[in-house]
C-alpha atoms as a PDB file:
ATOM      1  CA  MET A   1       0.002   0.007   0.016  1.00  0.00           C
ATOM      2  CA  GLU A   2       1.300   3.419  -0.940  1.00  0.00           C
ATOM      3  CA  TYR A   3       2.168   5.687   2.019  1.00  0.00           C
ATOM      4  CA  ARG A   4      -0.322   8.409   1.079  1.00  0.00           C
ATOM      5  CA  SER A   5      -3.155   5.901   0.792  1.00  0.00           C
ATOM      6  CA  PHE A   6      -2.158   4.426   4.152  1.00  0.00           C
ATOM      7  CA  VAL A   7      -2.190   7.863   5.819  1.00  0.00           C
ATOM      8  CA  ARG A   8      -5.594   8.754   4.319  1.00  0.00           C
ATOM      9  CA  THR A   9      -7.036   5.429   5.423  1.00  0.00           C
ATOM     10  CA  CYS A  10      -5.687   5.605   8.950  1.00  0.00           C
ATOM     11  CA  HIS A  11      -6.070   9.364   9.505  1.00  0.00           C
ATOM     12  CA  PRO A  12      -9.049  10.801   7.666  1.00  0.00           C
ATOM     13  CA  LEU A  13      -9.090  14.547   7.208  1.00  0.00           C
ATOM     14  CA  ARG A  14     -11.530  15.979   9.704  1.00  0.00           C
ATOM     15  CA  ALA A  15     -11.430  19.527   8.322  1.00  0.00           C
ATOM     16  CA  ASP A  16     -13.296  20.668   5.241  1.00  0.00           C
ATOM     17  CA  ALA A  17     -10.845  19.775   2.457  1.00  0.00           C
ATOM     18  CA  HIS A  18     -11.655  22.936   0.479  1.00  0.00           C
ATOM     19  CA  ASN A  19     -11.058  25.378   3.320  1.00  0.00           C
ATOM     20  CA  ALA A  20      -8.154  23.506   4.899  1.00  0.00           C
ATOM     21  CA  GLN A  21      -5.959  23.900   1.800  1.00  0.00           C
ATOM     22  CA  VAL A  22      -4.427  27.317   2.086  1.00  0.00           C
ATOM     23  CA  ALA A  23      -1.677  28.115  -0.417  1.00  0.00           C
ATOM     24  CA  LEU A  24       1.351  30.163   0.502  1.00  0.00           C
ATOM     25  CA  LEU A  25       0.496  32.646  -2.187  1.00  0.00           C
ATOM     26  CA  GLY A  26      -2.913  33.359  -3.554  1.00  0.00           C
ATOM     27  CA  SER A  27      -5.167  36.111  -4.762  1.00  0.00           C
ATOM     28  CA  ALA A  28      -7.535  38.161  -2.668  1.00  0.00           C
ATOM     29  CA  PRO A  29     -11.063  36.764  -2.315  1.00  0.00           C
ATOM     30  CA  HIS A  30     -13.560  37.928  -4.926  1.00  0.00           C
ATOM     31  CA  GLY A  31     -16.695  37.656  -2.819  1.00  0.00           C
ATOM     32  CA  THR A  32     -18.443  40.443  -0.952  1.00  0.00           C
ATOM     33  CA  ASP A  33     -18.115  38.672   2.403  1.00  0.00           C
ATOM     34  CA  PRO A  34     -15.510  39.983   4.851  1.00  0.00           C
ATOM     35  CA  PRO A  35     -12.176  38.797   3.566  1.00  0.00           C
ATOM     36  CA  GLY A  36     -10.397  36.062   5.476  1.00  0.00           C
ATOM     37  CA  TYR A  37     -13.353  34.244   6.882  1.00  0.00           C
ATOM     38  CA  ILE A  38     -15.924  32.984   4.360  1.00  0.00           C
ATOM     39  CA  PHE A  39     -14.971  31.589   0.966  1.00  0.00           C
ATOM     40  CA  ASN A  40     -18.016  30.258  -0.873  1.00  0.00           C
ATOM     41  CA  ASN A  41     -17.149  28.348  -4.030  1.00  0.00           C
ATOM     42  CA  GLU A  42     -13.741  29.990  -4.428  1.00  0.00           C
ATOM     43  CA  VAL A  43     -10.206  29.064  -3.570  1.00  0.00           C
ATOM     44  CA  PRO A  44      -9.227  30.474  -0.146  1.00  0.00           C
ATOM     45  CA  PRO A  45      -6.690  33.335  -0.406  1.00  0.00           C
ATOM     46  CA  GLY A  46      -3.046  32.600   0.279  1.00  0.00           C
ATOM     47  CA  TYR A  47      -1.365  32.547   3.669  1.00  0.00           C
ATOM     48  CA  VAL A  48       0.655  35.680   2.855  1.00  0.00           C
ATOM     49  CA  TYR A  49      -2.580  37.521   2.034  1.00  0.00           C
ATOM     50  CA  LEU A  50      -4.183  36.431   5.312  1.00  0.00           C
ATOM     51  CA  VAL A  51      -1.159  37.461   7.418  1.00  0.00           C
ATOM     52  CA  GLY A  52      -1.273  40.906   5.822  1.00  0.00           C
ATOM     53  CA  LEU A  53      -5.022  41.164   6.394  1.00  0.00           C
ATOM     54  CA  HIS A  54      -4.710  40.388  10.112  1.00  0.00           C
ATOM     55  CA  LEU A  55      -1.671  42.624  10.493  1.00  0.00           C
ATOM     56  CA  ASN A  56      -3.570  45.574   9.027  1.00  0.00           C
ATOM     57  CA  GLY A  57      -6.513  44.817  11.334  1.00  0.00           C
ATOM     58  CA  ALA A  58      -4.237  44.942  14.342  1.00  0.00           C
ATOM     59  CA  ALA A  59      -2.655  48.180  13.206  1.00  0.00           C
ATOM     60  CA  LEU A  60      -6.066  49.827  12.689  1.00  0.00           C
ATOM     61  CA  SER A  61      -7.200  48.843  16.167  1.00  0.00           C
ATOM     62  CA  PRO A  62      -7.832  51.840  18.423  1.00  0.00           C
ATOM     63  CA  GLN A  63      -5.623  50.207  21.077  1.00  0.00           C
ATOM     64  CA  ALA A  64      -2.571  49.985  18.797  1.00  0.00           C
ATOM     65  CA  THR A  65       0.322  52.175  19.822  1.00  0.00           C
ATOM     66  CA  PRO A  66       2.168  54.495  17.381  1.00  0.00           C
ATOM     67  CA  ASP A  67       5.140  52.121  17.553  1.00  0.00           C
ATOM     68  CA  GLN A  68       2.921  49.138  16.659  1.00  0.00           C
ATOM     69  CA  ARG A  69       1.430  51.069  13.724  1.00  0.00           C
ATOM     70  CA  ARG A  70       4.959  52.028  12.491  1.00  0.00           C
ATOM     71  CA  LEU A  71       6.127  48.449  12.823  1.00  0.00           C
ATOM     72  CA  ALA A  72       3.020  47.162  11.031  1.00  0.00           C
ATOM     73  CA  GLY A  73       3.829  49.435   8.129  1.00  0.00           C
ATOM     74  CA  GLN A  74       7.359  48.069   7.943  1.00  0.00           C
ATOM     75  CA  ILE A  75       6.098  44.497   8.134  1.00  0.00           C
ATOM     76  CA  ASP A  76       3.463  45.181   5.456  1.00  0.00           C
ATOM     77  CA  ALA A  77       6.216  46.548   3.145  1.00  0.00           C
ATOM     78  CA  ALA A  78       8.327  43.429   3.845  1.00  0.00           C
ATOM     79  CA  ILE A  79       5.365  41.148   3.085  1.00  0.00           C
ATOM     80  CA  ASN A  80       4.791  42.945  -0.226  1.00  0.00           C
ATOM     81  CA  LYS A  81       8.458  42.481  -1.114  1.00  0.00           C
ATOM     82  CA  LEU A  82       8.176  38.814  -0.077  1.00  0.00           C
ATOM     83  CA  LYS A  83       5.223  38.372  -2.439  1.00  0.00           C
ATOM     84  CA  TYR A  84       7.357  39.708  -5.259  1.00  0.00           C
ATOM     85  CA  VAL A  85      10.282  37.447  -4.388  1.00  0.00           C
ATOM     86  CA  PHE A  86       7.962  34.416  -4.148  1.00  0.00           C
ATOM     87  CA  GLY A  87       6.582  35.309  -7.598  1.00  0.00           C
ATOM     88  CA  GLN A  88      10.060  35.477  -9.050  1.00  0.00           C
ATOM     89  CA  ALA A  89      11.022  32.117  -7.481  1.00  0.00           C
ATOM     90  CA  HIS A  90       7.800  30.605  -8.843  1.00  0.00           C
ATOM     91  CA  GLN A  91       8.597  31.776 -12.345  1.00  0.00           C
ATOM     92  CA  ASP A  92      12.122  30.359 -12.144  1.00  0.00           C
ATOM     93  CA  ALA A  93      10.778  27.027 -10.837  1.00  0.00           C
ATOM     94  CA  LYS A  94       8.196  26.851 -13.647  1.00  0.00           C
ATOM     95  CA  LEU A  95      10.886  27.458 -16.246  1.00  0.00           C
ATOM     96  CA  LEU A  96      13.063  24.710 -14.848  1.00  0.00           C
ATOM     97  CA  ALA A  97      10.186  22.264 -14.452  1.00  0.00           C
ATOM     98  CA  GLN A  98       9.270  22.644 -18.126  1.00  0.00           C
ATOM     99  CA  MET A  99      12.785  21.907 -19.390  1.00  0.00           C
ATOM    100  CA  MET A 100      13.880  18.561 -20.774  1.00  0.00           C
ATOM    101  CA  ASP A 101      16.909  16.793 -19.277  1.00  0.00           C
ATOM    102  CA  ALA A 102      19.191  18.025 -22.099  1.00  0.00           C
ATOM    103  CA  GLN A 103      18.072  21.619 -21.488  1.00  0.00           C
ATOM    104  CA  LEU A 104      18.737  21.337 -17.745  1.00  0.00           C
ATOM    105  CA  LEU A 105      22.387  20.418 -18.512  1.00  0.00           C
ATOM    106  CA  GLN A 106      22.993  23.670 -20.430  1.00  0.00           C
ATOM    107  CA  SER A 107      24.809  26.559 -18.764  1.00  0.00           C
ATOM    108  CA  SER A 108      21.821  28.885 -19.317  1.00  0.00           C
ATOM    109  CA  SER A 109      19.786  26.657 -16.973  1.00  0.00           C
ATOM    110  CA  LEU A 110      22.402  27.118 -14.313  1.00  0.00           C
ATOM    111  CA  SER A 111      21.743  30.857 -14.221  1.00  0.00           C
ATOM    112  CA  ILE A 112      18.021  30.201 -13.757  1.00  0.00           C
ATOM    113  CA  LEU A 113      18.777  27.728 -10.964  1.00  0.00           C
ATOM    114  CA  ASN A 114      21.159  30.214  -9.296  1.00  0.00           C
ATOM    115  CA  ASP A 115      18.484  32.902  -9.496  1.00  0.00           C
ATOM    116  CA  LEU A 116      15.982  30.509  -7.924  1.00  0.00           C
ATOM    117  CA  VAL A 117      18.394  29.797  -5.054  1.00  0.00           C
ATOM    118  CA  ILE A 118      18.957  33.539  -4.475  1.00  0.00           C
ATOM    119  CA  GLN A 119      15.205  34.228  -4.496  1.00  0.00           C
ATOM    120  CA  ALA A 120      14.622  31.363  -2.000  1.00  0.00           C
ATOM    121  CA  GLN A 121      17.378  32.632   0.323  1.00  0.00           C
ATOM    122  CA  ASP A 122      16.065  36.217   0.131  1.00  0.00           C
ATOM    123  CA  ALA A 123      12.524  35.011   0.856  1.00  0.00           C
ATOM    124  CA  TYR A 124      13.685  33.100   3.938  1.00  0.00           C
ATOM    125  CA  ALA A 125      16.484  35.194   5.409  1.00  0.00           C
ATOM    126  CA  GLY A 126      16.040  38.589   3.744  1.00  0.00           C
ATOM    127  CA  GLN A 127      18.790  40.750   2.321  1.00  0.00           C
ATOM    128  CA  LEU A 128      21.643  42.374   4.174  1.00  0.00           C
ATOM    129  CA  ASP A 129      21.299  46.134   4.684  1.00  0.00           C
ATOM    130  CA  PRO A 130      24.756  47.474   3.643  1.00  0.00           C
ATOM    131  CA  SER A 131      24.565  50.388   6.045  1.00  0.00           C
ATOM    132  CA  THR A 132      23.788  48.305   9.173  1.00  0.00           C
ATOM    133  CA  GLY A 133      24.868  44.832   8.187  1.00  0.00           C
ATOM    134  CA  ALA A 134      21.549  43.528   9.549  1.00  0.00           C
ATOM    135  CA  SER A 135      19.158  41.368   7.639  1.00  0.00           C
ATOM    136  CA  GLN A 136      16.059  43.145   6.337  1.00  0.00           C
ATOM    137  CA  GLY A 137      12.900  41.474   5.164  1.00  0.00           C
ATOM    138  CA  GLY A 138      12.404  37.817   4.555  1.00  0.00           C
ATOM    139  CA  ALA A 139      10.269  35.363   6.510  1.00  0.00           C
ATOM    140  CA  ILE A 140      12.551  35.323   9.521  1.00  0.00           C
ATOM    141  CA  TRP A 141      12.529  39.115   9.881  1.00  0.00           C
ATOM    142  CA  ILE A 142       8.736  39.233   9.373  1.00  0.00           C
ATOM    143  CA  TYR A 143       8.137  36.504  11.967  1.00  0.00           C
ATOM    144  CA  GLY A 144      10.371  38.193  14.565  1.00  0.00           C
ATOM    145  CA  ASN A 145       8.749  41.578  14.066  1.00  0.00           C
ATOM    146  CA  ILE A 146       5.190  40.228  14.147  1.00  0.00           C
ATOM    147  CA  GLU A 147       6.147  38.668  17.460  1.00  0.00           C
ATOM    148  CA  ARG A 148       7.405  42.118  18.624  1.00  0.00           C
ATOM    149  CA  MET A 149       3.994  43.631  17.757  1.00  0.00           C
ATOM    150  CA  VAL A 150       2.209  41.382  20.219  1.00  0.00           C
ATOM    151  CA  THR A 151       4.521  41.900  23.178  1.00  0.00           C
ATOM    152  CA  PHE A 152       3.803  44.476  25.870  1.00  0.00           C
ATOM    153  CA  ASP A 153       5.423  45.762  28.988  1.00  0.00           C
ATOM    154  CA  VAL A 154       4.128  44.712  32.336  1.00  0.00           C
ATOM    155  CA  MET A 155       4.676  47.358  35.001  1.00  0.00           C
ATOM    156  CA  HIS A 156       4.120  47.443  38.723  1.00  0.00           C
ATOM    157  CA  PHE A 157       1.009  49.388  39.682  1.00  0.00           C
ATOM    158  CA  ALA A 158       1.064  51.035  43.076  1.00  0.00           C
ATOM    159  CA  SER A 159      -2.397  51.793  44.424  1.00  0.00           C
ATOM    160  CA  SER A 160      -2.986  54.852  46.489  1.00  0.00           C
ATOM    161  CA  SER A 161      -4.710  53.763  49.667  1.00  0.00           C
ATOM    162  CA  HIS A 162      -6.163  56.227  52.099  1.00  0.00           C
END
């Protein structure tokens, strides 16, 4: 028995198969329902879209601090760059997947493969900022800064008793 068949037989999917399949990239929903929650007869939007949607919701909250709003803007810009990098990597991967074995052995294919590797590295780790030497953008930077958005300071409160 093939492994996939075994897994499906032993562990049936309990979630709705349509809504449980969220792609990394995807277009915005076309329906009139609030985005991110109801997807009737359409492919759910991508994970990157949903992260941006919730990030913007948090930044627009009346309780968000100016620092959180500033950081949300930086994260949103990094997510938009990440979408572009993912798109470039996808194009490179499609080109390589369509090539025959003989074409893959040509030196021109190596440049496409190198570009794909660079795109994947940039998507994951970001690019170095030459002025600071720190990594900017990329999934790691986005993750760390989203985590910063949800942290808060806990301070001692001294009550005034009479």
